[in-house]
Amino acid sequence: MTAPAPAASARTLFVAVVTPEGPAHEGPALDVVAPAFDGEVAFLPGHAPFLGLLGRGELRIRPPGAAAPLSFFLAGGVVQVQDDQVVLLAERAVPADALDPARARRDLEEALAQPAVGEAGLRVRAERVSAARAALRVAEARRPRGP
């Protein structure tokens, strides 16, 4: 008689979030939802090998036993999934609770006011506005609500 296979819920992923400054997070997770270049992408244990571009937005990592997922603002990079390991090489990763909504609003206002000359200038401003909007969404979504 063979031992029963472990339940799928008992399996976890190993997640590593790395930025140019160094590791932002490492640890086990039940699931990961990342901002992709063209939407969101989710990973569960047993996911097929995957390589994709990261976008700007909220990264959610659900550790085993946690009441709520860990949340990060992520800006650009790549994600690789293989053998239940999720590696996110991000241009920027900031814990959501470290984001200040007022500061994020000011960053957006500054980005919108930035003069843009020529096609390259317009592209730079559009990238800055997009990043500021995404950071503001994450900051506001994770801020504590009143009674």
C-alpha atoms as a PDB file:
ATOM      1  CA  MET A   1       0.000   0.000   0.000  1.00  0.00           C
ATOM      2  CA  THR A   2       1.360   3.410  -0.942  1.00  0.00           C
ATOM      3  CA  ALA A   3       1.080   6.555   1.151  1.00  0.00           C
ATOM      4  CA  PRO A   4      -1.562   9.030  -0.013  1.00  0.00           C
ATOM      5  CA  ALA A   5      -0.320  12.026  -1.944  1.00  0.00           C
ATOM      6  CA  PRO A   6      -0.093  15.214   0.134  1.00  0.00           C
ATOM      7  CA  ALA A   7      -3.032  17.554  -0.238  1.00  0.00           C
ATOM      8  CA  ALA A   8      -2.501  20.314  -2.768  1.00  0.00           C
ATOM      9  CA  SER A   9      -3.159  22.890  -0.043  1.00  0.00           C
ATOM     10  CA  ALA A  10      -0.123  21.598   1.913  1.00  0.00           C
ATOM     11  CA  ARG A  11       2.225  22.613  -0.900  1.00  0.00           C
ATOM     12  CA  THR A  12       3.800  26.028  -0.943  1.00  0.00           C
ATOM     13  CA  LEU A  13       5.808  28.217  -3.233  1.00  0.00           C
ATOM     14  CA  PHE A  14       9.133  29.787  -2.379  1.00  0.00           C
ATOM     15  CA  VAL A  15       9.030  33.500  -3.291  1.00  0.00           C
ATOM     16  CA  ALA A  16      11.987  35.822  -3.743  1.00  0.00           C
ATOM     17  CA  VAL A  17      11.545  39.515  -4.572  1.00  0.00           C
ATOM     18  CA  VAL A  18      14.848  41.115  -5.553  1.00  0.00           C
ATOM     19  CA  THR A  19      15.570  44.734  -6.478  1.00  0.00           C
ATOM     20  CA  PRO A  20      18.816  46.423  -7.553  1.00  0.00           C
ATOM     21  CA  GLU A  21      19.230  47.429  -3.882  1.00  0.00           C
ATOM     22  CA  GLY A  22      18.956  43.812  -2.683  1.00  0.00           C
ATOM     23  CA  PRO A  23      16.338  41.327  -1.490  1.00  0.00           C
ATOM     24  CA  ALA A  24      12.952  42.866  -0.641  1.00  0.00           C
ATOM     25  CA  HIS A  25      11.288  39.612   0.473  1.00  0.00           C
ATOM     26  CA  GLU A  26      12.004  35.889   0.687  1.00  0.00           C
ATOM     27  CA  GLY A  27       9.784  33.173   2.070  1.00  0.00           C
ATOM     28  CA  PRO A  28       7.067  30.583   1.563  1.00  0.00           C
ATOM     29  CA  ALA A  29       3.663  31.413   0.097  1.00  0.00           C
ATOM     30  CA  LEU A  30       0.400  29.697  -0.657  1.00  0.00           C
ATOM     31  CA  ASP A  31      -0.125  31.928  -3.685  1.00  0.00           C
ATOM     32  CA  VAL A  32       1.269  35.015  -5.403  1.00  0.00           C
ATOM     33  CA  VAL A  33      -0.551  37.628  -7.498  1.00  0.00           C
ATOM     34  CA  ALA A  34       1.759  39.943  -9.430  1.00  0.00           C
ATOM     35  CA  PRO A  35       1.192  42.930 -11.696  1.00  0.00           C
ATOM     36  CA  ALA A  36       2.105  41.815 -15.186  1.00  0.00           C
ATOM     37  CA  PHE A  37       2.851  44.030 -18.143  1.00  0.00           C
ATOM     38  CA  ASP A  38      -0.698  43.528 -19.429  1.00  0.00           C
ATOM     39  CA  GLY A  39      -2.757  42.756 -16.300  1.00  0.00           C
ATOM     40  CA  GLU A  40      -2.301  40.497 -13.308  1.00  0.00           C
ATOM     41  CA  VAL A  41      -0.877  37.001 -13.140  1.00  0.00           C
ATOM     42  CA  ALA A  42      -1.387  34.501 -10.303  1.00  0.00           C
ATOM     43  CA  PHE A  43       0.753  31.563  -9.256  1.00  0.00           C
ATOM     44  CA  LEU A  44      -0.144  28.528  -7.160  1.00  0.00           C
ATOM     45  CA  PRO A  45       1.991  25.508  -6.259  1.00  0.00           C
ATOM     46  CA  GLY A  46       2.453  23.277  -9.280  1.00  0.00           C
ATOM     47  CA  HIS A  47       2.309  26.172 -11.775  1.00  0.00           C
ATOM     48  CA  ALA A  48       3.866  25.467 -15.159  1.00  0.00           C
ATOM     49  CA  PRO A  49       7.212  27.142 -15.902  1.00  0.00           C
ATOM     50  CA  PHE A  50       6.618  30.804 -16.700  1.00  0.00           C
ATOM     51  CA  LEU A  51       8.651  33.854 -17.667  1.00  0.00           C
ATOM     52  CA  GLY A  52       6.995  37.239 -18.001  1.00  0.00           C
ATOM     53  CA  LEU A  53       7.321  41.001 -17.795  1.00  0.00           C
ATOM     54  CA  LEU A  54       6.207  42.765 -14.643  1.00  0.00           C
ATOM     55  CA  GLY A  55       4.162  45.934 -14.748  1.00  0.00           C
ATOM     56  CA  ARG A  56       3.358  48.488 -12.074  1.00  0.00           C
ATOM     57  CA  GLY A  57       0.937  47.721  -9.294  1.00  0.00           C
ATOM     58  CA  GLU A  58       0.298  45.614  -6.232  1.00  0.00           C
ATOM     59  CA  LEU A  59       2.183  42.397  -5.566  1.00  0.00           C
ATOM     60  CA  ARG A  60       0.296  40.156  -3.124  1.00  0.00           C
ATOM     61  CA  ILE A  61       2.015  37.250  -1.383  1.00  0.00           C
ATOM     62  CA  ARG A  62      -0.052  35.013   0.919  1.00  0.00           C
ATOM     63  CA  PRO A  63       2.221  33.306   3.464  1.00  0.00           C
ATOM     64  CA  PRO A  64       1.013  30.104   5.154  1.00  0.00           C
ATOM     65  CA  GLY A  65      -1.007  30.893   8.274  1.00  0.00           C
ATOM     66  CA  ALA A  66      -1.221  34.639   7.576  1.00  0.00           C
ATOM     67  CA  ALA A  67      -4.526  36.435   8.081  1.00  0.00           C
ATOM     68  CA  ALA A  68      -3.843  38.770   5.154  1.00  0.00           C
ATOM     69  CA  PRO A  69      -1.447  38.770   2.221  1.00  0.00           C
ATOM     70  CA  LEU A  70       1.787  40.726   2.239  1.00  0.00           C
ATOM     71  CA  SER A  71       1.458  43.651  -0.133  1.00  0.00           C
ATOM     72  CA  PHE A  72       4.125  45.502  -2.119  1.00  0.00           C
ATOM     73  CA  PHE A  73       4.124  48.237  -4.734  1.00  0.00           C
ATOM     74  CA  LEU A  74       6.058  46.773  -7.647  1.00  0.00           C
ATOM     75  CA  ALA A  75       7.401  48.694 -10.626  1.00  0.00           C
ATOM     76  CA  GLY A  76       8.694  46.805 -13.632  1.00  0.00           C
ATOM     77  CA  GLY A  77      11.012  43.849 -14.031  1.00  0.00           C
ATOM     78  CA  VAL A  78      10.596  40.161 -14.800  1.00  0.00           C
ATOM     79  CA  VAL A  79       9.086  37.138 -13.072  1.00  0.00           C
ATOM     80  CA  GLN A  80      10.197  33.540 -13.436  1.00  0.00           C
ATOM     81  CA  VAL A  81       8.359  30.503 -12.078  1.00  0.00           C
ATOM     82  CA  GLN A  82       9.921  27.066 -12.050  1.00  0.00           C
ATOM     83  CA  ASP A  83       9.656  24.099  -9.679  1.00  0.00           C
ATOM     84  CA  ASP A  84       7.429  25.990  -7.194  1.00  0.00           C
ATOM     85  CA  GLN A  85       9.905  28.876  -7.008  1.00  0.00           C
ATOM     86  CA  VAL A  86       8.704  32.371  -7.927  1.00  0.00           C
ATOM     87  CA  VAL A  87      11.527  34.851  -8.515  1.00  0.00           C
ATOM     88  CA  LEU A  88      10.583  38.472  -9.151  1.00  0.00           C
ATOM     89  CA  LEU A  89      13.441  40.708 -10.318  1.00  0.00           C
ATOM     90  CA  ALA A  90      11.869  44.115  -9.844  1.00  0.00           C
ATOM     91  CA  GLU A  91      13.078  47.588 -10.685  1.00  0.00           C
ATOM     92  CA  ARG A  92      11.384  48.737  -7.473  1.00  0.00           C
ATOM     93  CA  ALA A  93       9.542  46.950  -4.640  1.00  0.00           C
ATOM     94  CA  VAL A  94       8.165  48.854  -1.638  1.00  0.00           C
ATOM     95  CA  PRO A  95       6.086  47.320   1.164  1.00  0.00           C
ATOM     96  CA  ALA A  96       2.590  48.789   0.854  1.00  0.00           C
ATOM     97  CA  ASP A  97       2.547  49.838   4.494  1.00  0.00           C
ATOM     98  CA  ALA A  98       5.652  51.982   3.830  1.00  0.00           C
ATOM     99  CA  LEU A  99       3.799  54.011   1.178  1.00  0.00           C
ATOM    100  CA  ASP A 100       2.371  57.380   2.202  1.00  0.00           C
ATOM    101  CA  PRO A 101      -0.833  58.211   0.278  1.00  0.00           C
ATOM    102  CA  ALA A 102      -0.212  61.968   0.605  1.00  0.00           C
ATOM    103  CA  ARG A 103       3.302  61.585  -0.786  1.00  0.00           C
ATOM    104  CA  ALA A 104       1.989  59.363  -3.600  1.00  0.00           C
ATOM    105  CA  ARG A 105      -0.586  62.061  -4.483  1.00  0.00           C
ATOM    106  CA  ARG A 106       2.162  64.718  -4.587  1.00  0.00           C
ATOM    107  CA  ASP A 107       4.294  62.472  -6.804  1.00  0.00           C
ATOM    108  CA  LEU A 108       1.365  62.097  -9.199  1.00  0.00           C
ATOM    109  CA  GLU A 109       0.726  65.839  -9.268  1.00  0.00           C
ATOM    110  CA  GLU A 110       4.417  66.485  -9.992  1.00  0.00           C
ATOM    111  CA  ALA A 111       4.438  63.874 -12.743  1.00  0.00           C
ATOM    112  CA  LEU A 112       1.339  65.390 -14.368  1.00  0.00           C
ATOM    113  CA  ALA A 113       2.902  68.868 -14.198  1.00  0.00           C
ATOM    114  CA  GLN A 114       6.224  67.734 -15.690  1.00  0.00           C
ATOM    115  CA  PRO A 115       6.820  69.479 -19.016  1.00  0.00           C
ATOM    116  CA  ALA A 116       7.323  67.142 -21.933  1.00  0.00           C
ATOM    117  CA  VAL A 117       9.069  68.128 -25.125  1.00  0.00           C
ATOM    118  CA  GLY A 118       9.141  65.767 -28.060  1.00  0.00           C
ATOM    119  CA  GLU A 119       8.314  62.104 -28.252  1.00  0.00           C
ATOM    120  CA  ALA A 120      10.972  61.033 -25.753  1.00  0.00           C
ATOM    121  CA  GLY A 121       9.794  63.619 -23.212  1.00  0.00           C
ATOM    122  CA  LEU A 122       6.199  62.483 -23.594  1.00  0.00           C
ATOM    123  CA  ARG A 123       7.263  58.858 -23.030  1.00  0.00           C
ATOM    124  CA  VAL A 124       9.216  59.758 -19.885  1.00  0.00           C
ATOM    125  CA  ARG A 125       6.291  61.736 -18.470  1.00  0.00           C
ATOM    126  CA  ALA A 126       3.811  58.963 -19.309  1.00  0.00           C
ATOM    127  CA  GLU A 127       6.018  56.389 -17.522  1.00  0.00           C
ATOM    128  CA  ARG A 128       6.321  58.633 -14.472  1.00  0.00           C
ATOM    129  CA  VAL A 129       2.557  59.293 -14.369  1.00  0.00           C
ATOM    130  CA  SER A 130       1.805  55.572 -14.726  1.00  0.00           C
ATOM    131  CA  ALA A 131       4.164  54.658 -11.874  1.00  0.00           C
ATOM    132  CA  ALA A 132       2.762  57.415  -9.628  1.00  0.00           C
ATOM    133  CA  ARG A 133      -0.841  56.339 -10.283  1.00  0.00           C
ATOM    134  CA  ALA A 134      -0.020  52.708  -9.505  1.00  0.00           C
ATOM    135  CA  ALA A 135       1.783  53.653  -6.266  1.00  0.00           C
ATOM    136  CA  LEU A 136      -1.175  55.805  -5.215  1.00  0.00           C
ATOM    137  CA  ARG A 137      -3.635  52.938  -5.869  1.00  0.00           C
ATOM    138  CA  VAL A 138      -1.564  50.568  -3.722  1.00  0.00           C
ATOM    139  CA  ALA A 139      -1.072  53.158  -0.963  1.00  0.00           C
ATOM    140  CA  GLU A 140      -4.780  53.958  -0.775  1.00  0.00           C
ATOM    141  CA  ALA A 141      -5.905  50.332  -0.998  1.00  0.00           C
ATOM    142  CA  ARG A 142      -3.726  49.303   1.944  1.00  0.00           C
ATOM    143  CA  ARG A 143      -4.241  52.260   4.253  1.00  0.00           C
ATOM    144  CA  PRO A 144      -6.316  51.566   7.373  1.00  0.00           C
ATOM    145  CA  ARG A 145      -9.989  52.480   7.093  1.00  0.00           C
ATOM    146  CA  GLY A 146     -11.832  54.513   9.703  1.00  0.00           C
ATOM    147  CA  PRO A 147     -14.536  53.079  11.999  1.00  0.00           C
END
